[in-house]
Amino acid sequence: MTTATASKNNKKTKPATDKTEEKKLSPVLTTASATRTEKDLLGTAQVPANAYYGIQTQRAMANFNLSGIQLRHFPNLIKALAMVKMAAAQANYQLKQLEKARYEAICFACQEIIDGKYHDQFVVDMIQGGAGTSTNMNANEVITNIGLEYMGHNKGEYQHLHPNNDVNMAQSTNDAYPTAVRLSILLDHGKVVSSLRALKKAFKMKSVEFADVIKMGRTQLQDAVPMTLGQEFRSYASTLSEDIDRIADLSDLFLEINLGGTAIGTGINTDPQYAHLAVECLADISNFSFRPASDLVEASSDMGAFVLFSGMLKRLAVKLSKICNDLRLLSSGPRTGLNEINLPPQQPGSSIMPGKVNPVIPEAVNQVAFQIIGNDMAITMAAEAGQLQLNVMEPLIAYNVLESMRLLSQAMEMLRTRCIEGITANVEHCRDQVNNSIGIITALNPYIGYDNATRIAKQALEENCSVLDLVRAEGLLDEKTLEEILRPESMVAPSRLRR
């Protein structure tokens, strides 16, 4: 990863400045309230003297008090913003558009942020108007003020390093912000996949542990045919395994970026070589193989990659919720439910019913899944709501994609460590249910015929007696044949019929 190459010890001596000019340009500090006065298009505002953010961030904090979730809630988004700003500075420096001292200060500040420092200064709400301008300016201002201190100046002395002229050089919110959002998704993606792999492995291990536990399978909540508990848990591992590669494949969509397109994709205010060079620098800094979008105008407004990726996250959430529904059913009871498995108890289940323990971990995962499904709908609506050359709803898209990824990762870790790994089987109870089930008649159907099997099943249900006892009583099959048919391995997998 490329870093700033200068050190404070070898920076140039600060040039002499006319005192009148210095006084005019320096921020006004109000010692009584520990603030400094900064100026923008709308006038002046007070900013905390020790804050690394500036006036535009201050205004955004006042305007957008919505979700209560600030940028700092997503560390990889902050790191991604710093990487984009560093890449832009490197490109501008190589093109001789940015002088060395300012370039080195920007790179130093960006590296500090990439290393995890100053994240508390990213205070804008994730949901905001302006298509991400407040986020972009929060980053520009923090980087600038860190850089100013590195250069030996005070915060707010923007004549030496400017958030727009220098840190935001050759950029617009409309290319810098979307690029950072895509990079942050790539940075978070590994955790989602890692959690998914670990959960799949936990189910696979349980499938081996439960390989010989015979039980009844069910369709429409009615007895169907025998299977093993191992087969059931292996199916959970298999369905999760399908999504590992798909999530990885879809994440590649975010490698195509519109950096260099500036305001609407035309590249206004950039050197002809800037876009290619900036993307190349970002690839070097982030270690992701970014490529410029083939049509920067299209890429500045299209949110299709987010819609596809969010749909994949929703698919995984739906699968997890279905699995958790199954776990709750299989562990229901313990005396009046299915009671085939035991979930590890995590906390008392009732303030009034002694001894009650609830399946709280699967319940929590269900709720996470519902939230992710809702997030996906919000992303879909936001992607549709763009007009002309920009989608101003991208902050909502970014927030919900990153939040869905965070929730999924944490839910899968919780499910694995606090539930799946501790599940045990009620082996004898499972076998008794198979032996007492009318569904076992399906295994006899090829030998006694459908009509006989239907009659026996109906009689067993009406008289509350055993299917096997009725078959024996009518002499439909001899004991040796019955024993062969009812072997567990014969009932849970294809076998050659012996009529």
Protein backbone atom coordinates (compact mmCIF):
# COMPACT_ATOMS: atom_id res chain seq x y z
CA MET A 1 0.00 0.00 0.00
CA THR A 2 1.37 3.36 -1.03
CA THR A 3 1.88 5.82 1.79
CA ALA A 4 3.01 9.40 2.15
CA THR A 5 6.76 9.58 1.78
CA ALA A 6 7.52 12.75 3.66
CA SER A 7 8.13 13.17 7.36
CA LYS A 8 7.58 16.16 9.57
CA ASN A 9 11.29 16.43 10.25
CA ASN A 10 12.23 17.32 6.69
CA LYS A 11 9.40 19.65 5.68
CA LYS A 12 10.33 23.04 4.28
CA THR A 13 10.57 26.06 6.53
CA LYS A 14 7.29 27.93 6.59
CA PRO A 15 7.64 30.92 4.24
CA ALA A 16 7.26 34.42 5.59
CA THR A 17 3.77 35.86 5.18
CA ASP A 18 2.50 39.39 5.42
CA LYS A 19 1.03 39.75 8.92
CA THR A 20 -2.03 41.58 7.66
CA GLU A 21 -2.74 38.86 5.14
CA GLU A 22 -2.06 36.13 7.75
CA LYS A 23 -4.52 37.69 10.15
CA LYS A 24 -7.12 38.04 7.42
CA LEU A 25 -6.91 34.39 6.29
CA SER A 26 -6.52 32.67 9.65
CA PRO A 27 -9.65 31.31 11.36
CA VAL A 28 -11.05 33.39 14.19
CA LEU A 29 -10.84 31.50 17.49
CA THR A 30 -13.35 32.18 20.25
CA THR A 31 -11.59 31.10 23.41
CA ALA A 32 -14.60 31.42 25.70
CA SER A 33 -16.53 28.74 23.86
CA ALA A 34 -13.48 26.98 22.34
CA THR A 35 -14.68 27.43 18.78
CA ARG A 36 -13.29 28.72 15.52
CA THR A 37 -15.19 30.65 12.88
CA GLU A 38 -15.27 29.23 9.37
CA LYS A 39 -16.89 30.57 6.23
CA ASP A 40 -18.67 29.01 3.27
CA LEU A 41 -21.24 29.89 0.60
CA LEU A 42 -23.97 30.52 3.18
CA GLY A 43 -21.88 32.65 5.54
CA THR A 44 -20.03 31.87 8.76
CA ALA A 45 -20.53 29.26 11.46
CA GLN A 46 -18.85 28.22 14.67
CA VAL A 47 -16.91 24.95 14.64
CA PRO A 48 -15.40 23.36 17.77
CA ALA A 49 -11.77 24.52 17.92
CA ASN A 50 -10.46 20.98 18.44
CA ALA A 51 -12.57 19.45 15.64
CA TYR A 52 -10.84 18.21 12.52
CA TYR A 53 -14.04 18.59 10.52
CA GLY A 54 -15.13 22.00 9.29
CA ILE A 55 -18.10 24.19 8.49
CA GLN A 56 -19.81 21.99 5.91
CA THR A 57 -19.69 19.00 8.24
CA GLN A 58 -21.04 21.22 11.02
CA ARG A 59 -23.98 22.23 8.84
CA ALA A 60 -24.67 18.62 7.87
CA MET A 61 -24.74 17.58 11.52
CA ALA A 62 -27.41 20.20 12.16
CA ASN A 63 -29.42 19.32 9.06
CA PHE A 64 -29.38 15.53 9.11
CA ASN A 65 -30.21 14.26 12.57
CA LEU A 66 -32.02 11.22 11.20
CA SER A 67 -30.81 7.66 11.78
CA GLY A 68 -28.36 8.40 14.58
CA ILE A 69 -25.90 6.22 12.66
CA GLN A 70 -22.86 8.29 11.76
CA LEU A 71 -20.19 7.56 9.17
CA ARG A 72 -17.85 6.32 11.91
CA HIS A 73 -20.25 3.41 12.45
CA PHE A 74 -18.71 1.89 9.29
CA PRO A 75 -14.89 2.03 9.65
CA ASN A 76 -14.23 0.56 6.23
CA LEU A 77 -16.25 3.32 4.57
CA ILE A 78 -14.02 5.88 6.27
CA LYS A 79 -10.89 4.00 5.20
CA ALA A 80 -12.25 3.76 1.67
CA LEU A 81 -12.84 7.52 1.54
CA ALA A 82 -9.23 8.09 2.61
CA MET A 83 -7.95 5.66 -0.02
CA VAL A 84 -9.87 7.45 -2.75
CA LYS A 85 -8.52 10.83 -1.62
CA MET A 86 -4.98 9.47 -1.50
CA ALA A 87 -5.33 8.00 -5.00
CA ALA A 88 -6.60 11.33 -6.32
CA ALA A 89 -3.70 13.18 -4.69
CA GLN A 90 -1.17 10.77 -6.17
CA ALA A 91 -2.62 11.17 -9.65
CA ASN A 92 -2.72 14.95 -9.37
CA TYR A 93 0.85 15.06 -8.08
CA GLN A 94 2.12 12.86 -10.91
CA LEU A 95 0.34 15.15 -13.38
CA LYS A 96 2.02 18.16 -11.70
CA GLN A 97 -1.31 19.64 -10.68
CA LEU A 98 -0.63 19.38 -6.94
CA GLU A 99 2.52 20.74 -5.34
CA LYS A 100 4.72 18.39 -3.31
CA ALA A 101 4.15 19.84 0.17
CA ARG A 102 0.38 19.66 -0.12
CA TYR A 103 0.53 16.23 -1.72
CA GLU A 104 2.64 14.89 1.14
CA ALA A 105 0.32 16.41 3.74
CA ILE A 106 -2.74 14.86 2.09
CA CYS A 107 -1.09 11.45 1.84
CA PHE A 108 0.02 11.62 5.49
CA ALA A 109 -3.50 12.48 6.62
CA CYS A 110 -5.08 9.76 4.49
CA GLN A 111 -2.68 7.14 5.80
CA GLU A 112 -3.50 8.13 9.37
CA ILE A 113 -7.18 7.56 8.65
CA ILE A 114 -6.50 4.28 6.85
CA ASP A 115 -4.59 3.19 9.95
CA GLY A 116 -7.72 3.75 12.03
CA LYS A 117 -7.07 7.19 13.48
CA TYR A 118 -9.45 10.18 13.54
CA HIS A 119 -12.52 8.05 12.82
CA ASP A 120 -14.37 9.86 15.59
CA GLN A 121 -14.31 12.96 13.37
CA PHE A 122 -16.59 11.39 10.77
CA VAL A 123 -19.83 12.54 12.31
CA VAL A 124 -22.33 13.04 9.48
CA ASP A 125 -25.48 10.91 9.51
CA MET A 126 -25.41 8.07 6.99
CA ILE A 127 -28.78 9.22 5.62
CA GLN A 128 -28.39 12.66 4.10
CA GLY A 129 -29.48 14.84 1.24
CA GLY A 130 -27.05 16.01 -1.40
CA ALA A 131 -26.07 12.67 -2.96
CA GLY A 132 -23.25 12.21 -0.44
CA THR A 133 -21.80 15.72 -0.58
CA SER A 134 -21.80 15.95 3.22
CA THR A 135 -19.86 12.69 3.47
CA ASN A 136 -17.37 13.84 0.86
CA MET A 137 -16.86 17.20 2.58
CA ASN A 138 -16.54 15.54 6.00
CA ALA A 139 -13.65 13.55 4.54
CA ASN A 140 -12.17 16.56 2.74
CA GLU A 141 -12.24 18.71 5.88
CA VAL A 142 -10.81 16.09 8.22
CA ILE A 143 -8.00 15.25 5.80
CA THR A 144 -7.27 18.93 5.32
CA ASN A 145 -7.01 19.75 9.02
CA ILE A 146 -4.85 16.72 9.77
CA GLY A 147 -2.67 17.79 6.86
CA LEU A 148 -2.50 21.38 8.10
CA GLU A 149 -1.17 20.25 11.48
CA TYR A 150 1.34 18.04 9.68
CA MET A 151 2.50 21.12 7.76
CA GLY A 152 2.83 23.12 10.98
CA HIS A 153 -0.34 25.19 10.67
CA ASN A 154 -3.52 25.50 12.69
CA LYS A 155 -6.82 23.86 11.87
CA GLY A 156 -8.85 26.04 9.58
CA GLU A 157 -5.91 27.83 7.95
CA TYR A 158 -7.13 26.75 4.55
CA GLN A 159 -4.90 29.12 2.60
CA HIS A 160 -2.14 26.54 3.15
CA LEU A 161 -4.19 23.45 2.31
CA HIS A 162 -7.76 23.69 1.07
CA PRO A 163 -10.50 21.02 1.37
CA ASN A 164 -11.93 21.80 -2.07
CA ASN A 165 -9.01 23.16 -4.07
CA ASP A 166 -6.47 20.56 -2.91
CA VAL A 167 -8.03 17.51 -1.22
CA ASN A 168 -10.99 17.45 -3.62
CA MET A 169 -8.89 18.37 -6.69
CA ALA A 170 -10.15 16.77 -9.94
CA GLN A 171 -13.04 15.19 -8.05
CA SER A 172 -16.74 15.59 -7.47
CA THR A 173 -18.82 13.99 -4.77
CA ASN A 174 -20.46 12.19 -7.69
CA ASP A 175 -17.38 10.12 -8.50
CA ALA A 176 -15.39 10.13 -5.25
CA TYR A 177 -18.29 9.07 -3.00
CA PRO A 178 -19.65 6.20 -5.16
CA THR A 179 -16.11 4.89 -5.60
CA ALA A 180 -15.55 4.91 -1.84
CA VAL A 181 -18.87 3.15 -1.21
CA ARG A 182 -17.93 0.41 -3.67
CA LEU A 183 -14.52 0.02 -2.08
CA SER A 184 -16.04 -0.18 1.41
CA ILE A 185 -18.32 -3.01 0.25
CA LEU A 186 -15.29 -4.88 -1.08
CA LEU A 187 -13.48 -4.34 2.22
CA ASP A 188 -16.46 -5.69 4.20
CA HIS A 189 -17.19 -8.50 1.78
CA GLY A 190 -14.47 -10.77 3.18
CA LYS A 191 -16.07 -10.82 6.62
CA VAL A 192 -19.44 -11.87 5.21
CA VAL A 193 -17.90 -14.70 3.22
CA SER A 194 -15.74 -15.79 6.16
CA SER A 195 -18.74 -15.94 8.49
CA LEU A 196 -20.72 -17.83 5.86
CA ARG A 197 -17.95 -20.38 5.32
CA ALA A 198 -17.66 -20.99 9.06
CA LEU A 199 -21.41 -21.46 9.44
CA LYS A 200 -21.51 -23.88 6.51
CA LYS A 201 -18.68 -25.86 8.10
CA ALA A 202 -20.54 -26.04 11.43
CA PHE A 203 -23.61 -27.50 9.71
CA LYS A 204 -21.41 -29.94 7.78
CA MET A 205 -19.81 -31.17 11.02
CA LYS A 206 -23.23 -31.68 12.58
CA SER A 207 -24.32 -33.64 9.51
CA VAL A 208 -21.47 -36.07 10.14
CA GLU A 209 -22.27 -36.25 13.86
CA PHE A 210 -25.95 -37.00 13.13
CA ALA A 211 -25.36 -39.31 10.15
CA ASP A 212 -26.91 -42.37 11.86
CA VAL A 213 -29.82 -40.63 13.61
CA ILE A 214 -32.95 -41.93 11.85
CA LYS A 215 -35.97 -39.61 11.95
CA MET A 216 -39.12 -38.70 10.04
CA GLY A 217 -38.96 -36.25 7.23
CA ARG A 218 -41.97 -33.97 6.80
CA THR A 219 -43.72 -32.12 4.02
CA GLN A 220 -46.41 -29.52 4.73
CA LEU A 221 -45.74 -30.23 8.43
CA GLN A 222 -47.11 -33.75 7.94
CA ASP A 223 -45.21 -37.02 8.28
CA ALA A 224 -43.56 -37.93 4.98
CA VAL A 225 -40.79 -40.56 4.80
CA PRO A 226 -37.78 -41.47 6.95
CA MET A 227 -34.46 -39.68 6.62
CA THR A 228 -31.48 -39.05 8.87
CA LEU A 229 -30.87 -35.96 10.92
CA GLY A 230 -27.49 -35.88 9.20
CA GLN A 231 -29.17 -35.53 5.82
CA GLU A 232 -31.24 -32.66 7.15
CA PHE A 233 -28.21 -30.77 8.47
CA ARG A 234 -26.21 -31.53 5.33
CA SER A 235 -28.95 -29.82 3.31
CA TYR A 236 -28.43 -26.68 5.40
CA ALA A 237 -24.70 -26.78 4.66
CA SER A 238 -25.40 -27.28 0.96
CA THR A 239 -27.83 -24.39 0.61
CA LEU A 240 -25.38 -22.01 2.30
CA SER A 241 -22.50 -23.32 0.20
CA GLU A 242 -24.30 -22.21 -2.96
CA ASP A 243 -24.16 -18.58 -1.88
CA ILE A 244 -20.44 -18.37 -1.10
CA ASP A 245 -19.33 -18.24 -4.73
CA ARG A 246 -22.32 -16.17 -5.83
CA ILE A 247 -21.61 -13.42 -3.31
CA ALA A 248 -17.96 -13.43 -4.36
CA ASP A 249 -18.90 -13.22 -8.04
CA LEU A 250 -21.32 -10.34 -7.52
CA SER A 251 -18.79 -8.38 -5.50
CA ASP A 252 -16.71 -8.13 -8.69
CA LEU A 253 -19.34 -5.71 -10.01
CA PHE A 254 -17.96 -3.10 -7.64
CA LEU A 255 -14.53 -3.18 -9.28
CA GLU A 256 -15.90 -1.03 -12.10
CA ILE A 257 -15.84 2.57 -10.89
CA ASN A 258 -16.53 6.06 -12.21
CA LEU A 259 -13.56 7.81 -10.59
CA GLY A 260 -12.48 10.59 -12.92
CA GLY A 261 -15.97 11.24 -14.21
CA THR A 262 -16.40 14.14 -11.76
CA ALA A 263 -19.85 15.76 -11.80
CA ILE A 264 -21.81 13.75 -14.38
CA GLY A 265 -19.25 11.51 -16.05
CA THR A 266 -17.81 13.95 -18.59
CA GLY A 267 -14.59 14.42 -16.61
CA ILE A 268 -14.83 18.19 -16.43
CA ASN A 269 -11.94 19.85 -14.51
CA THR A 270 -9.60 16.88 -14.94
CA ASP A 271 -6.47 16.25 -16.96
CA PRO A 272 -7.07 13.82 -19.87
CA GLN A 273 -4.80 11.28 -18.17
CA TYR A 274 -6.29 11.73 -14.70
CA ALA A 275 -9.10 9.13 -14.72
CA HIS A 276 -6.89 6.24 -15.81
CA LEU A 277 -4.10 7.27 -13.45
CA ALA A 278 -6.39 7.78 -10.44
CA VAL A 279 -7.97 4.34 -10.91
CA GLU A 280 -4.52 2.81 -11.22
CA CYS A 281 -3.39 4.51 -8.00
CA LEU A 282 -6.50 3.35 -6.14
CA ALA A 283 -5.89 -0.21 -7.26
CA ASP A 284 -2.34 0.01 -5.92
CA ILE A 285 -3.44 1.49 -2.58
CA SER A 286 -6.38 -0.85 -1.97
CA ASN A 287 -5.06 -4.05 -3.57
CA PHE A 288 -8.31 -4.41 -5.53
CA SER A 289 -8.23 -4.64 -9.33
CA PHE A 290 -10.33 -1.58 -10.08
CA ARG A 291 -11.10 -0.65 -13.67
CA PRO A 292 -12.64 2.48 -15.16
CA ALA A 293 -16.26 2.15 -16.23
CA SER A 294 -16.61 1.94 -19.99
CA ASP A 295 -19.22 4.72 -19.92
CA LEU A 296 -18.61 7.18 -17.09
CA VAL A 297 -21.89 9.02 -17.71
CA GLU A 298 -23.84 5.78 -17.32
CA ALA A 299 -21.80 4.72 -14.32
CA SER A 300 -22.50 8.01 -12.53
CA SER A 301 -26.23 7.33 -12.34
CA ASP A 302 -26.68 3.55 -12.53
CA MET A 303 -27.19 1.67 -9.26
CA GLY A 304 -27.64 -1.77 -10.81
CA ALA A 305 -24.66 -3.34 -9.05
CA PHE A 306 -26.11 -2.43 -5.66
CA VAL A 307 -29.51 -3.87 -6.57
CA LEU A 308 -27.98 -7.19 -7.63
CA PHE A 309 -25.70 -7.45 -4.62
CA SER A 310 -28.45 -6.51 -2.16
CA GLY A 311 -30.67 -9.13 -3.76
CA MET A 312 -27.98 -11.70 -3.07
CA LEU A 313 -27.75 -10.61 0.56
CA LYS A 314 -31.53 -10.89 0.79
CA ARG A 315 -31.42 -14.39 -0.68
CA LEU A 316 -28.92 -15.45 1.96
CA ALA A 317 -31.03 -13.84 4.70
CA VAL A 318 -34.12 -15.71 3.49
CA LYS A 319 -32.21 -19.00 3.58
CA LEU A 320 -30.95 -18.33 7.09
CA SER A 321 -34.44 -17.45 8.26
CA LYS A 322 -35.87 -20.66 6.81
CA ILE A 323 -33.17 -22.71 8.52
CA CYS A 324 -33.90 -20.97 11.82
CA ASN A 325 -37.60 -21.70 11.41
CA ASP A 326 -36.66 -25.37 11.05
CA LEU A 327 -34.44 -25.31 14.12
CA ARG A 328 -37.24 -23.80 16.18
CA LEU A 329 -39.67 -26.48 15.00
CA LEU A 330 -37.25 -29.37 15.46
CA SER A 331 -36.49 -28.25 19.02
CA SER A 332 -40.09 -27.43 19.92
CA GLY A 333 -41.53 -28.84 23.11
CA PRO A 334 -39.73 -30.27 24.92
CA ARG A 335 -42.65 -32.52 25.90
CA THR A 336 -45.39 -31.48 23.48
CA GLY A 337 -43.44 -30.55 20.35
CA LEU A 338 -41.19 -32.34 17.87
CA ASN A 339 -38.28 -32.41 20.33
CA GLU A 340 -35.89 -34.04 17.88
CA ILE A 341 -32.97 -31.77 18.74
CA ASN A 342 -31.86 -29.70 21.70
CA LEU A 343 -30.62 -26.17 21.16
CA PRO A 344 -28.01 -24.99 23.70
CA PRO A 345 -29.86 -22.97 26.36
CA GLN A 346 -28.72 -19.34 26.44
CA GLN A 347 -31.03 -17.61 28.92
CA PRO A 348 -34.23 -18.13 30.94
CA GLY A 349 -37.23 -17.88 28.65
CA SER A 350 -39.93 -16.37 30.78
CA SER A 351 -40.53 -14.02 33.66
CA ILE A 352 -43.61 -16.02 34.70
CA MET A 353 -43.17 -19.62 33.46
CA PRO A 354 -40.45 -21.42 35.48
CA GLY A 355 -38.18 -23.74 33.54
CA LYS A 356 -39.05 -22.34 30.12
CA VAL A 357 -36.12 -21.86 27.71
CA ASN A 358 -36.73 -20.22 24.34
CA PRO A 359 -34.85 -20.57 21.01
CA VAL A 360 -33.63 -16.98 21.29
CA ILE A 361 -30.71 -17.28 18.88
CA PRO A 362 -32.75 -18.49 15.88
CA GLU A 363 -35.42 -15.94 16.78
CA ALA A 364 -32.86 -13.15 16.63
CA VAL A 365 -31.58 -14.36 13.25
CA ASN A 366 -35.16 -14.36 11.93
CA GLN A 367 -35.46 -10.71 12.89
CA VAL A 368 -32.13 -9.85 11.25
CA ALA A 369 -33.40 -11.51 8.09
CA PHE A 370 -36.58 -9.44 8.12
CA GLN A 371 -34.50 -6.27 8.50
CA ILE A 372 -32.29 -7.23 5.54
CA ILE A 373 -35.37 -7.92 3.43
CA GLY A 374 -36.60 -4.44 4.33
CA ASN A 375 -33.19 -2.96 3.53
CA ASP A 376 -33.34 -4.57 0.10
CA MET A 377 -36.70 -2.97 -0.61
CA ALA A 378 -35.31 0.44 0.42
CA ILE A 379 -32.32 -0.10 -1.89
CA THR A 380 -34.61 -1.07 -4.75
CA MET A 381 -36.74 2.04 -4.34
CA ALA A 382 -33.69 4.29 -3.98
CA ALA A 383 -32.08 2.85 -7.11
CA GLU A 384 -35.28 3.50 -9.06
CA ALA A 385 -35.56 7.07 -7.77
CA GLY A 386 -32.54 8.50 -9.58
CA GLN A 387 -33.12 11.12 -12.23
CA LEU A 388 -31.07 11.98 -15.29
CA GLN A 389 -27.27 11.98 -14.68
CA LEU A 390 -27.21 11.24 -10.93
CA ASN A 391 -28.91 9.19 -8.26
CA VAL A 392 -29.19 11.41 -5.20
CA MET A 393 -30.47 8.51 -3.10
CA GLU A 394 -27.10 6.77 -2.97
CA PRO A 395 -26.53 7.55 0.74
CA LEU A 396 -29.55 5.38 1.58
CA ILE A 397 -28.26 2.65 -0.73
CA ALA A 398 -24.82 2.77 0.88
CA TYR A 399 -26.24 2.73 4.40
CA ASN A 400 -28.52 -0.24 3.78
CA VAL A 401 -26.01 -2.36 1.87
CA LEU A 402 -23.33 -1.84 4.52
CA GLU A 403 -25.83 -2.41 7.32
CA SER A 404 -27.11 -5.62 5.72
CA MET A 405 -23.55 -6.90 5.42
CA ARG A 406 -22.80 -6.02 9.04
CA LEU A 407 -25.99 -7.66 10.32
CA LEU A 408 -25.45 -10.78 8.22
CA SER A 409 -21.89 -11.26 9.42
CA GLN A 410 -22.80 -10.83 13.07
CA ALA A 411 -25.94 -12.97 12.82
CA MET A 412 -24.07 -15.86 11.21
CA GLU A 413 -21.33 -15.70 13.84
CA MET A 414 -23.92 -15.67 16.62
CA LEU A 415 -25.89 -18.54 15.09
CA ARG A 416 -22.78 -20.67 14.68
CA THR A 417 -21.12 -20.11 18.06
CA ARG A 418 -24.20 -19.82 20.27
CA CYS A 419 -26.47 -22.36 18.63
CA ILE A 420 -25.33 -24.71 15.86
CA GLU A 421 -22.11 -25.93 17.45
CA GLY A 422 -23.96 -26.91 20.64
CA ILE A 423 -26.96 -28.74 19.14
CA THR A 424 -27.56 -32.30 20.33
CA ALA A 425 -29.96 -34.97 19.04
CA ASN A 426 -32.65 -36.89 20.89
CA VAL A 427 -31.76 -40.14 19.14
CA GLU A 428 -34.26 -42.56 20.71
CA HIS A 429 -37.13 -40.12 20.43
CA CYS A 430 -36.38 -39.66 16.72
CA ARG A 431 -36.36 -43.44 16.16
CA ASP A 432 -39.60 -43.95 18.10
CA GLN A 433 -41.30 -41.36 15.93
CA VAL A 434 -40.24 -43.27 12.82
CA ASN A 435 -41.49 -46.58 14.19
CA ASN A 436 -44.82 -45.10 15.24
CA SER A 437 -45.37 -43.06 12.11
CA ILE A 438 -47.95 -43.88 9.48
CA GLY A 439 -45.53 -42.36 6.99
CA ILE A 440 -43.46 -45.53 7.12
CA ILE A 441 -46.07 -47.11 4.88
CA THR A 442 -44.38 -45.36 1.93
CA ALA A 443 -41.42 -47.70 2.30
CA LEU A 444 -43.79 -50.68 2.03
CA ASN A 445 -45.72 -49.31 -0.95
CA PRO A 446 -43.57 -50.99 -3.69
CA TYR A 447 -44.09 -54.38 -2.00
CA ILE A 448 -47.77 -54.38 -1.02
CA GLY A 449 -49.16 -52.00 -3.66
CA TYR A 450 -50.64 -48.52 -3.43
CA ASP A 451 -54.20 -49.66 -2.68
CA ASN A 452 -53.14 -51.91 0.18
CA ALA A 453 -50.80 -49.25 1.50
CA THR A 454 -53.57 -46.62 1.44
CA ARG A 455 -56.01 -48.94 3.23
CA ILE A 456 -53.47 -49.89 5.89
CA ALA A 457 -52.51 -46.26 6.49
CA LYS A 458 -56.14 -45.20 6.89
CA GLN A 459 -56.89 -48.08 9.25
CA ALA A 460 -53.80 -47.39 11.35
CA LEU A 461 -54.83 -43.76 11.71
CA GLU A 462 -58.43 -44.53 12.60
CA GLU A 463 -57.60 -47.30 15.07
CA ASN A 464 -54.47 -45.64 16.48
CA CYS A 465 -52.41 -48.71 15.86
CA SER A 466 -49.12 -49.56 14.19
CA VAL A 467 -48.80 -49.87 10.42
CA LEU A 468 -46.35 -52.73 10.90
CA ASP A 469 -48.72 -54.61 13.20
CA LEU A 470 -51.50 -54.42 10.59
CA VAL A 471 -49.16 -55.62 7.82
CA ARG A 472 -48.07 -58.54 9.99
CA ALA A 473 -51.65 -59.36 10.98
CA GLU A 474 -52.74 -59.56 7.34
CA GLY A 475 -49.65 -61.51 6.34
CA LEU A 476 -48.87 -59.07 3.56
CA LEU A 477 -45.12 -59.42 4.12
CA ASP A 478 -42.98 -61.92 5.97
CA GLU A 479 -40.75 -60.85 8.82
CA LYS A 480 -37.51 -61.24 6.87
CA THR A 481 -38.73 -58.96 4.09
CA LEU A 482 -40.01 -56.43 6.61
CA GLU A 483 -36.67 -56.41 8.36
CA GLU A 484 -34.88 -55.80 5.07
CA ILE A 485 -37.24 -53.01 4.03
CA LEU A 486 -37.05 -51.26 7.39
CA ARG A 487 -33.29 -51.15 7.63
CA PRO A 488 -32.34 -47.47 8.05
CA GLU A 489 -30.04 -47.51 5.05
CA SER A 490 -32.86 -48.88 2.91
CA MET A 491 -35.29 -46.16 3.94
CA VAL A 492 -33.09 -43.08 3.58
CA ALA A 493 -31.45 -43.74 0.19
CA PRO A 494 -32.19 -45.49 -3.12
CA SER A 495 -32.03 -49.31 -2.84
CA ARG A 496 -32.70 -52.23 -5.16
CA LEU A 497 -36.24 -53.54 -4.72
CA ARG A 498 -36.71 -57.22 -3.90
CA ARG A 499 -40.33 -57.99 -4.69
